[in-house]
PDB file of N, CA and C in Angstrom:
ATOM      1  N   MET A   1      19.096  -0.008  -5.672  1.00  0.00           N
ATOM      2  CA  MET A   1      17.935   0.133  -4.806  1.00  0.00           C
ATOM      3  C   MET A   1      18.131  -0.801  -3.610  1.00  0.00           C
ATOM      4  N   THR A   2      17.939  -0.253  -2.427  1.00  0.00           N
ATOM      5  CA  THR A   2      18.105  -1.062  -1.223  1.00  0.00           C
ATOM      6  C   THR A   2      16.928  -2.007  -1.048  1.00  0.00           C
ATOM      7  N   ARG A   3      17.145  -3.033  -0.262  1.00  0.00           N
ATOM      8  CA  ARG A   3      16.081  -4.000  -0.006  1.00  0.00           C
ATOM      9  C   ARG A   3      14.920  -3.365   0.743  1.00  0.00           C
ATOM     10  N   SER A   4      15.208  -2.466   1.676  1.00  0.00           N
ATOM     11  CA  SER A   4      14.116  -1.843   2.431  1.00  0.00           C
ATOM     12  C   SER A   4      13.288  -0.920   1.534  1.00  0.00           C
ATOM     13  N   LEU A   5      13.923  -0.224   0.594  1.00  0.00           N
ATOM     14  CA  LEU A   5      13.175   0.613  -0.339  1.00  0.00           C
ATOM     15  C   LEU A   5      12.316  -0.249  -1.262  1.00  0.00           C
ATOM     16  N   LEU A   6      12.901  -1.340  -1.763  1.00  0.00           N
ATOM     17  CA  LEU A   6      12.141  -2.265  -2.601  1.00  0.00           C
ATOM     18  C   LEU A   6      10.955  -2.840  -1.827  1.00  0.00           C
ATOM     19  N   ALA A   7      11.174  -3.220  -0.580  1.00  0.00           N
ATOM     20  CA  ALA A   7      10.094  -3.764   0.246  1.00  0.00           C
ATOM     21  C   ALA A   7       8.995  -2.723   0.447  1.00  0.00           C
ATOM     22  N   HIS A   8       9.380  -1.477   0.684  1.00  0.00           N
ATOM     23  CA  HIS A   8       8.393  -0.405   0.867  1.00  0.00           C
ATOM     24  C   HIS A   8       7.590  -0.183  -0.410  1.00  0.00           C
ATOM     25  N   LEU A   9       8.257  -0.172  -1.557  1.00  0.00           N
ATOM     26  CA  LEU A   9       7.553   0.030  -2.826  1.00  0.00           C
ATOM     27  C   LEU A   9       6.615  -1.132  -3.143  1.00  0.00           C
ATOM     28  N   LEU A  10       7.070  -2.359  -2.917  1.00  0.00           N
ATOM     29  CA  LEU A  10       6.208  -3.517  -3.169  1.00  0.00           C
ATOM     30  C   LEU A  10       5.015  -3.546  -2.215  1.00  0.00           C
ATOM     31  N   PHE A  11       5.275  -3.270  -0.937  1.00  0.00           N
ATOM     32  CA  PHE A  11       4.180  -3.221   0.036  1.00  0.00           C
ATOM     33  C   PHE A  11       3.169  -2.149  -0.367  1.00  0.00           C
ATOM     34  N   SER A  12       3.659  -0.984  -0.764  1.00  0.00           N
ATOM     35  CA  SER A  12       2.773   0.107  -1.172  1.00  0.00           C
ATOM     36  C   SER A  12       1.974  -0.261  -2.420  1.00  0.00           C
ATOM     37  N   ALA A  13       2.609  -0.929  -3.381  1.00  0.00           N
ATOM     38  CA  ALA A  13       1.920  -1.312  -4.613  1.00  0.00           C
ATOM     39  C   ALA A  13       0.807  -2.319  -4.330  1.00  0.00           C
ATOM     40  N   VAL A  14       1.125  -3.347  -3.554  1.00  0.00           N
ATOM     41  CA  VAL A  14       0.130  -4.386  -3.264  1.00  0.00           C
ATOM     42  C   VAL A  14      -1.002  -3.834  -2.395  1.00  0.00           C
ATOM     43  N   THR A  15      -0.647  -3.107  -1.354  1.00  0.00           N
ATOM     44  CA  THR A  15      -1.663  -2.564  -0.455  1.00  0.00           C
ATOM     45  C   THR A  15      -2.568  -1.568  -1.173  1.00  0.00           C
ATOM     46  N   SER A  16      -1.987  -0.670  -1.949  1.00  0.00           N
ATOM     47  CA  SER A  16      -2.809   0.323  -2.642  1.00  0.00           C
ATOM     48  C   SER A  16      -3.688  -0.327  -3.708  1.00  0.00           C
ATOM     49  N   ALA A  17      -3.173  -1.364  -4.378  1.00  0.00           N
ATOM     50  CA  ALA A  17      -3.987  -2.064  -5.384  1.00  0.00           C
ATOM     51  C   ALA A  17      -5.175  -2.763  -4.732  1.00  0.00           C
ATOM     52  N   LEU A  18      -4.924  -3.457  -3.629  1.00  0.00           N
ATOM     53  CA  LEU A  18      -6.010  -4.166  -2.952  1.00  0.00           C
ATOM     54  C   LEU A  18      -7.041  -3.211  -2.361  1.00  0.00           C
ATOM     55  N   MET A  19      -6.579  -2.192  -1.663  1.00  0.00           N
ATOM     56  CA  MET A  19      -7.515  -1.275  -1.010  1.00  0.00           C
ATOM     57  C   MET A  19      -8.300  -0.451  -2.025  1.00  0.00           C
ATOM     58  N   SER A  20      -7.639   0.036  -3.061  1.00  0.00           N
ATOM     59  CA  SER A  20      -8.366   0.839  -4.051  1.00  0.00           C
ATOM     60  C   SER A  20      -9.351  -0.022  -4.830  1.00  0.00           C
ATOM     61  N   SER A  21      -8.993  -1.286  -5.112  1.00  0.00           N
ATOM     62  CA  SER A  21      -9.949  -2.146  -5.817  1.00  0.00           C
ATOM     63  C   SER A  21     -11.148  -2.467  -4.943  1.00  0.00           C
ATOM     64  N   LEU A  22     -10.927  -2.677  -3.662  1.00  0.00           N
ATOM     65  CA  LEU A  22     -12.028  -2.953  -2.747  1.00  0.00           C
ATOM     66  C   LEU A  22     -12.948  -1.746  -2.581  1.00  0.00           C
ATOM     67  N   VAL A  23     -12.367  -0.587  -2.348  1.00  0.00           N
ATOM     68  CA  VAL A  23     -13.169   0.628  -2.157  1.00  0.00           C
ATOM     69  C   VAL A  23     -13.915   0.986  -3.440  1.00  0.00           C
ATOM     70  N   CYS A  24     -13.235   0.898  -4.577  1.00  0.00           N
ATOM     71  CA  CYS A  24     -13.911   1.174  -5.856  1.00  0.00           C
ATOM     72  C   CYS A  24     -15.017   0.162  -6.119  1.00  0.00           C
ATOM     73  N   GLY A  25     -14.781  -1.089  -5.738  1.00  0.00           N
ATOM     74  CA  GLY A  25     -15.800  -2.109  -5.920  1.00  0.00           C
ATOM     75  C   GLY A  25     -17.048  -1.842  -5.096  1.00  0.00           C
ATOM     76  N   VAL A  26     -16.854  -1.472  -3.841  1.00  0.00           N
ATOM     77  CA  VAL A  26     -17.997  -1.181  -2.969  1.00  0.00           C
ATOM     78  C   VAL A  26     -18.746   0.050  -3.472  1.00  0.00           C
ATOM     79  N   ALA A  27     -18.008   1.105  -3.822  1.00  0.00           N
ATOM     80  CA  ALA A  27     -18.656   2.333  -4.307  1.00  0.00           C
ATOM     81  C   ALA A  27     -19.372   2.088  -5.642  1.00  0.00           C
ATOM     82  N   THR A  28     -18.751   1.305  -6.521  1.00  0.00           N
ATOM     83  CA  THR A  28     -19.377   1.002  -7.809  1.00  0.00           C
ATOM     84  C   THR A  28     -20.627   0.154  -7.612  1.00  0.00           C
ATOM     85  N   TYR A  29     -20.569  -0.807  -6.711  1.00  0.00           N
ATOM     86  CA  TYR A  29     -21.738  -1.649  -6.445  1.00  0.00           C
ATOM     87  C   TYR A  29     -22.900  -0.812  -5.916  1.00  0.00           C
ATOM     88  N   ARG A  30     -22.584   0.131  -5.038  1.00  0.00           N
ATOM     89  CA  ARG A  30     -23.650   1.018  -4.520  1.00  0.00           C
ATOM     90  C   ARG A  30     -24.224   1.898  -5.626  1.00  0.00           C
ATOM     91  N   MET A  31     -23.393   2.260  -6.594  1.00  0.00           N
ATOM     92  CA  MET A  31     -23.826   3.162  -7.651  1.00  0.00           C
ATOM     93  C   MET A  31     -24.605   2.442  -8.754  1.00  0.00           C
ATOM     94  N   VAL A  32     -24.097   1.315  -9.254  1.00  0.00           N
ATOM     95  CA  VAL A  32     -24.740   0.657 -10.394  1.00  0.00           C
ATOM     96  C   VAL A  32     -25.322  -0.704 -10.068  1.00  0.00           C
ATOM     97  N   GLY A  33     -25.025  -1.251  -8.883  1.00  0.00           N
ATOM     98  CA  GLY A  33     -25.534  -2.564  -8.523  1.00  0.00           C
ATOM     99  C   GLY A  33     -24.839  -3.662  -9.312  1.00  0.00           C
ATOM    100  N   ALA A  34     -25.432  -4.847  -9.270  1.00  0.00           N
ATOM    101  CA  ALA A  34     -24.856  -6.001  -9.965  1.00  0.00           C
ATOM    102  C   ALA A  34     -25.361  -6.034 -11.400  1.00  0.00           C
ATOM    103  N   SER A  35     -25.033  -5.009 -12.142  1.00  0.00           N
ATOM    104  CA  SER A  35     -25.504  -4.913 -13.525  1.00  0.00           C
ATOM    105  C   SER A  35     -24.379  -5.282 -14.488  1.00  0.00           C
ATOM    106  N   ALA A  36     -24.709  -5.289 -15.747  1.00  0.00           N
ATOM    107  CA  ALA A  36     -23.723  -5.587 -16.783  1.00  0.00           C
ATOM    108  C   ALA A  36     -22.644  -4.509 -16.852  1.00  0.00           C
ATOM    109  N   ALA A  37     -22.945  -3.319 -16.394  1.00  0.00           N
ATOM    110  CA  ALA A  37     -21.990  -2.211 -16.454  1.00  0.00           C
ATOM    111  C   ALA A  37     -21.007  -2.213 -15.288  1.00  0.00           C
ATOM    112  N   PHE A  38     -21.188  -3.104 -14.313  1.00  0.00           N
ATOM    113  CA  PHE A  38     -20.363  -3.078 -13.101  1.00  0.00           C
ATOM    114  C   PHE A  38     -18.869  -3.135 -13.416  1.00  0.00           C
ATOM    115  N   MET A  39     -18.428  -4.138 -14.177  1.00  0.00           N
ATOM    116  CA  MET A  39     -16.994  -4.298 -14.441  1.00  0.00           C
ATOM    117  C   MET A  39     -16.415  -3.118 -15.215  1.00  0.00           C
ATOM    118  N   HIS A  40     -17.174  -2.584 -16.140  1.00  0.00           N
ATOM    119  CA  HIS A  40     -16.691  -1.442 -16.917  1.00  0.00           C
ATOM    120  C   HIS A  40     -16.517  -0.215 -16.023  1.00  0.00           C
ATOM    121  N   VAL A  41     -17.514   0.071 -15.206  1.00  0.00           N
ATOM    122  CA  VAL A  41     -17.447   1.244 -14.318  1.00  0.00           C
ATOM    123  C   VAL A  41     -16.375   1.035 -13.254  1.00  0.00           C
ATOM    124  N   TRP A  42     -16.323  -0.172 -12.660  1.00  0.00           N
ATOM    125  CA  TRP A  42     -15.344  -0.463 -11.616  1.00  0.00           C
ATOM    126  C   TRP A  42     -13.918  -0.357 -12.150  1.00  0.00           C
ATOM    127  N   SER A  43     -13.646  -0.943 -13.301  1.00  0.00           N
ATOM    128  CA  SER A  43     -12.273  -0.908 -13.827  1.00  0.00           C
ATOM    129  C   SER A  43     -11.839   0.512 -14.163  1.00  0.00           C
ATOM    130  N   GLY A  44     -12.761   1.319 -14.697  1.00  0.00           N
ATOM    131  CA  GLY A  44     -12.422   2.714 -14.971  1.00  0.00           C
ATOM    132  C   GLY A  44     -12.101   3.484 -13.701  1.00  0.00           C
ATOM    133  N   ALA A  45     -12.890   3.246 -12.660  1.00  0.00           N
ATOM    134  CA  ALA A  45     -12.645   3.910 -11.381  1.00  0.00           C
ATOM    135  C   ALA A  45     -11.332   3.433 -10.756  1.00  0.00           C
ATOM    136  N   TRP A  46     -11.074   2.116 -10.841  1.00  0.00           N
ATOM    137  CA  TRP A  46      -9.863   1.574 -10.234  1.00  0.00           C
ATOM    138  C   TRP A  46      -8.606   2.038 -10.950  1.00  0.00           C
ATOM    139  N   PHE A  47      -8.619   2.072 -12.271  1.00  0.00           N
ATOM    140  CA  PHE A  47      -7.446   2.540 -13.021  1.00  0.00           C
ATOM    141  C   PHE A  47      -7.133   4.003 -12.719  1.00  0.00           C
ATOM    142  N   PHE A  48      -8.139   4.773 -12.339  1.00  0.00           N
ATOM    143  CA  PHE A  48      -7.926   6.165 -11.954  1.00  0.00           C
ATOM    144  C   PHE A  48      -7.442   6.262 -10.509  1.00  0.00           C
ATOM    145  N   ALA A  49      -8.006   5.437  -9.621  1.00  0.00           N
ATOM    146  CA  ALA A  49      -7.728   5.547  -8.188  1.00  0.00           C
ATOM    147  C   ALA A  49      -6.420   4.905  -7.766  1.00  0.00           C
ATOM    148  N   TRP A  50      -6.012   3.805  -8.406  1.00  0.00           N
ATOM    149  CA  TRP A  50      -4.832   3.092  -7.939  1.00  0.00           C
ATOM    150  C   TRP A  50      -3.553   3.921  -7.965  1.00  0.00           C
ATOM    151  N   PRO A  51      -3.230   4.633  -9.040  1.00  0.00           N
ATOM    152  CA  PRO A  51      -1.990   5.429  -8.998  1.00  0.00           C
ATOM    153  C   PRO A  51      -2.004   6.495  -7.906  1.00  0.00           C
ATOM    154  N   ILE A  52      -3.154   7.072  -7.651  1.00  0.00           N
ATOM    155  CA  ILE A  52      -3.256   8.078  -6.586  1.00  0.00           C
ATOM    156  C   ILE A  52      -3.000   7.422  -5.236  1.00  0.00           C
ATOM    157  N   ALA A  53      -3.635   6.273  -5.001  1.00  0.00           N
ATOM    158  CA  ALA A  53      -3.438   5.560  -3.734  1.00  0.00           C
ATOM    159  C   ALA A  53      -1.975   5.138  -3.568  1.00  0.00           C
ATOM    160  N   PHE A  54      -1.341   4.711  -4.648  1.00  0.00           N
ATOM    161  CA  PHE A  54       0.056   4.288  -4.583  1.00  0.00           C
ATOM    162  C   PHE A  54       0.973   5.448  -4.206  1.00  0.00           C
ATOM    163  N   VAL A  55       0.802   6.578  -4.854  1.00  0.00           N
ATOM    164  CA  VAL A  55       1.644   7.751  -4.564  1.00  0.00           C
ATOM    165  C   VAL A  55       1.444   8.215  -3.125  1.00  0.00           C
ATOM    166  N   VAL A  56       0.204   8.238  -2.678  1.00  0.00           N
ATOM    167  CA  VAL A  56      -0.077   8.656  -1.293  1.00  0.00           C
ATOM    168  C   VAL A  56       0.575   7.686  -0.311  1.00  0.00           C
ATOM    169  N   LEU A  57       0.438   6.395  -0.553  1.00  0.00           N
ATOM    170  CA  LEU A  57       1.003   5.409   0.363  1.00  0.00           C
ATOM    171  C   LEU A  57       2.525   5.434   0.369  1.00  0.00           C
ATOM    172  N   VAL A  58       3.137   5.606  -0.791  1.00  0.00           N
ATOM    173  CA  VAL A  58       4.601   5.685  -0.842  1.00  0.00           C
ATOM    174  C   VAL A  58       5.096   6.926  -0.105  1.00  0.00           C
ATOM    175  N   SER A  59       4.397   8.039  -0.271  1.00  0.00           N
ATOM    176  CA  SER A  59       4.897   9.293   0.295  1.00  0.00           C
ATOM    177  C   SER A  59       4.605   9.449   1.783  1.00  0.00           C
ATOM    178  N   ILE A  60       3.419   9.103   2.242  1.00  0.00           N
ATOM    179  CA  ILE A  60       3.126   9.327   3.661  1.00  0.00           C
ATOM    180  C   ILE A  60       3.094   8.048   4.490  1.00  0.00           C
ATOM    181  N   GLY A  61       3.281   6.888   3.852  1.00  0.00           N
ATOM    182  CA  GLY A  61       3.286   5.618   4.579  1.00  0.00           C
ATOM    183  C   GLY A  61       4.301   5.571   5.713  1.00  0.00           C
ATOM    184  N   PRO A  62       5.555   5.951   5.474  1.00  0.00           N
ATOM    185  CA  PRO A  62       6.535   5.914   6.569  1.00  0.00           C
ATOM    186  C   PRO A  62       6.169   6.836   7.740  1.00  0.00           C
ATOM    187  N   LEU A  63       5.629   8.006   7.445  1.00  0.00           N
ATOM    188  CA  LEU A  63       5.217   8.922   8.509  1.00  0.00           C
ATOM    189  C   LEU A  63       4.071   8.327   9.328  1.00  0.00           C
ATOM    190  N   VAL A  64       3.103   7.730   8.657  1.00  0.00           N
ATOM    191  CA  VAL A  64       1.981   7.107   9.360  1.00  0.00           C
ATOM    192  C   VAL A  64       2.482   5.949  10.216  1.00  0.00           C
ATOM    193  N   ARG A  65       3.374   5.129   9.661  1.00  0.00           N
ATOM    194  CA  ARG A  65       3.922   3.992  10.416  1.00  0.00           C
ATOM    195  C   ARG A  65       4.640   4.472  11.669  1.00  0.00           C
ATOM    196  N   LYS A  66       5.486   5.487  11.542  1.00  0.00           N
ATOM    197  CA  LYS A  66       6.207   6.006  12.704  1.00  0.00           C
ATOM    198  C   LYS A  66       5.254   6.565  13.745  1.00  0.00           C
ATOM    199  N   THR A  67       4.231   7.282  13.302  1.00  0.00           N
ATOM    200  CA  THR A  67       3.257   7.859  14.225  1.00  0.00           C
ATOM    201  C   THR A  67       2.504   6.769  14.987  1.00  0.00           C
ATOM    202  N   VAL A  68       2.097   5.723  14.283  1.00  0.00           N
ATOM    203  CA  VAL A  68       1.379   4.619  14.933  1.00  0.00           C
ATOM    204  C   VAL A  68       2.282   3.905  15.925  1.00  0.00           C
ATOM    205  N   TYR A  69       3.522   3.626  15.537  1.00  0.00           N
ATOM    206  CA  TYR A  69       4.437   2.948  16.452  1.00  0.00           C
ATOM    207  C   TYR A  69       4.728   3.797  17.683  1.00  0.00           C
ATOM    208  N   ARG A  70       4.867   5.103  17.503  1.00  0.00           N
ATOM    209  CA  ARG A  70       5.073   5.974  18.665  1.00  0.00           C
ATOM    210  C   ARG A  70       3.840   5.987  19.558  1.00  0.00           C
ATOM    211  N   GLY A  71       2.660   6.049  18.943  1.00  0.00           N
ATOM    212  CA  GLY A  71       1.420   6.054  19.713  1.00  0.00           C
ATOM    213  C   GLY A  71       1.222   4.779  20.506  1.00  0.00           C
ATOM    214  N   CYS A  72       1.676   3.660  19.961  1.00  0.00           N
ATOM    215  CA  CYS A  72       1.556   2.369  20.651  1.00  0.00           C
ATOM    216  C   CYS A  72       2.746   2.092  21.559  1.00  0.00           C
ATOM    217  N   LYS A  73       3.736   2.982  21.520  1.00  0.00           N
ATOM    218  CA  LYS A  73       4.974   2.813  22.288  1.00  0.00           C
ATOM    219  C   LYS A  73       5.637   1.481  21.973  1.00  0.00           C
ATOM    220  N   CYS A  74       5.695   1.175  20.667  1.00  0.00           N
ATOM    221  CA  CYS A  74       6.318  -0.055  20.179  1.00  0.00           C
ATOM    222  C   CYS A  74       7.667   0.281  19.563  1.00  0.00           C
ATOM    223  N   PRO A  75       8.591  -0.668  19.583  1.00  0.00           N
ATOM    224  CA  PRO A  75       9.824  -0.447  18.827  1.00  0.00           C
ATOM    225  C   PRO A  75       9.517  -0.497  17.339  1.00  0.00           C
ATOM    226  N   MET A  76      10.252   0.270  16.557  1.00  0.00           N
ATOM    227  CA  MET A  76      10.048   0.283  15.109  1.00  0.00           C
ATOM    228  C   MET A  76      10.451  -1.067  14.528  1.00  0.00           C
ATOM    229  N   ALA A  77       9.611  -1.603  13.669  1.00  0.00           N
ATOM    230  CA  ALA A  77       9.908  -2.864  12.986  1.00  0.00           C
ATOM    231  C   ALA A  77      10.301  -2.540  11.557  1.00  0.00           C
ATOM    232  N   VAL A  78      11.524  -2.085  11.382  1.00  0.00           N
ATOM    233  CA  VAL A  78      12.013  -1.681  10.074  1.00  0.00           C
ATOM    234  C   VAL A  78      13.011  -2.728   9.595  1.00  0.00           C
ATOM    235  N   PRO A  79      12.851  -3.233   8.366  1.00  0.00           N
ATOM    236  CA  PRO A  79      13.825  -4.202   7.869  1.00  0.00           C
ATOM    237  C   PRO A  79      15.209  -3.575   7.760  1.00  0.00           C
ATOM    238  N   VAL A  80      16.220  -4.361   8.056  1.00  0.00           N
ATOM    239  CA  VAL A  80      17.596  -3.875   8.022  1.00  0.00           C
ATOM    240  C   VAL A  80      18.277  -4.447   6.786  1.00  0.00           C
ATOM    241  N   ASP A  81      18.900  -3.567   6.005  1.00  0.00           N
ATOM    242  CA  ASP A  81      19.651  -4.009   4.842  1.00  0.00           C
ATOM    243  C   ASP A  81      20.973  -4.615   5.294  1.00  0.00           C
ATOM    244  N   GLN A  82      21.421  -5.629   4.574  1.00  0.00           N
ATOM    245  CA  GLN A  82      22.711  -6.224   4.904  1.00  0.00           C
ATOM    246  C   GLN A  82      23.838  -5.249   4.633  1.00  0.00           C
ATOM    247  N   ALA A  83      23.643  -4.332   3.700  1.00  0.00           N
ATOM    248  CA  ALA A  83      24.681  -3.332   3.426  1.00  0.00           C
ATOM    249  C   ALA A  83      24.852  -2.399   4.616  1.00  0.00           C
ATOM    250  N   GLU A  84      23.776  -2.173   5.367  1.00  0.00           N
ATOM    251  CA  GLU A  84      23.859  -1.304   6.536  1.00  0.00           C
ATOM    252  C   GLU A  84      24.493  -2.020   7.719  1.00  0.00           C
ATOM    253  N   GLU A  85      24.272  -3.332   7.846  1.00  0.00           N
ATOM    254  CA  GLU A  85      24.847  -4.125   8.925  1.00  0.00           C
ATOM    255  C   GLU A  85      25.520  -5.355   8.326  1.00  0.00           C
ATOM    256  N   PRO A  86      26.763  -5.222   7.879  1.00  0.00           N
ATOM    257  CA  PRO A  86      27.417  -6.336   7.199  1.00  0.00           C
ATOM    258  C   PRO A  86      27.721  -7.515   8.134  1.00  0.00           C
ATOM    259  N   ASN A  87      27.808  -7.303   9.454  1.00  0.00           N
ATOM    260  CA  ASN A  87      28.154  -8.382  10.386  1.00  0.00           C
ATOM    261  C   ASN A  87      26.934  -9.124  10.900  1.00  0.00           C
ATOM    262  N   ARG A  88      25.779  -8.780  10.424  1.00  0.00           N
ATOM    263  CA  ARG A  88      24.548  -9.417  10.895  1.00  0.00           C
ATOM    264  C   ARG A  88      24.462 -10.838  10.344  1.00  0.00           C
ATOM    265  N   ILE A  89      24.125 -11.792  11.208  1.00  0.00           N
ATOM    266  CA  ILE A  89      24.014 -13.181  10.799  1.00  0.00           C
ATOM    267  C   ILE A  89      22.597 -13.405  10.267  1.00  0.00           C
ATOM    268  N   THR A  90      22.503 -13.991   9.066  1.00  0.00           N
ATOM    269  CA  THR A  90      21.206 -14.293   8.482  1.00  0.00           C
ATOM    270  C   THR A  90      21.031 -15.800   8.415  1.00  0.00           C
ATOM    271  N   ARG A  91      19.811 -16.244   8.490  1.00  0.00           N
ATOM    272  CA  ARG A  91      19.537 -17.681   8.436  1.00  0.00           C
ATOM    273  C   ARG A  91      18.797 -18.011   7.190  1.00  0.00           C
TER     274      ARG A  91
END
């Protein structure tokens, strides 16, 4: 597994976990409030939502990133594997 693929998978895992937990938390709070059932309902919703968010982010994340960078007319900030550029000096 290349470093850039590993970085993409880790970024997708962390981002999808944080965003799905936040969104599920807000939706659960609106639904049940600060009751004793909050953690039970929230965890059930999050365990269902996180894998979906992860798959979506892994699959369309690169396309969204490229589209945003093109829209902003920015150079792509893609990590470079040392295997792809063996003469690159690292610090």
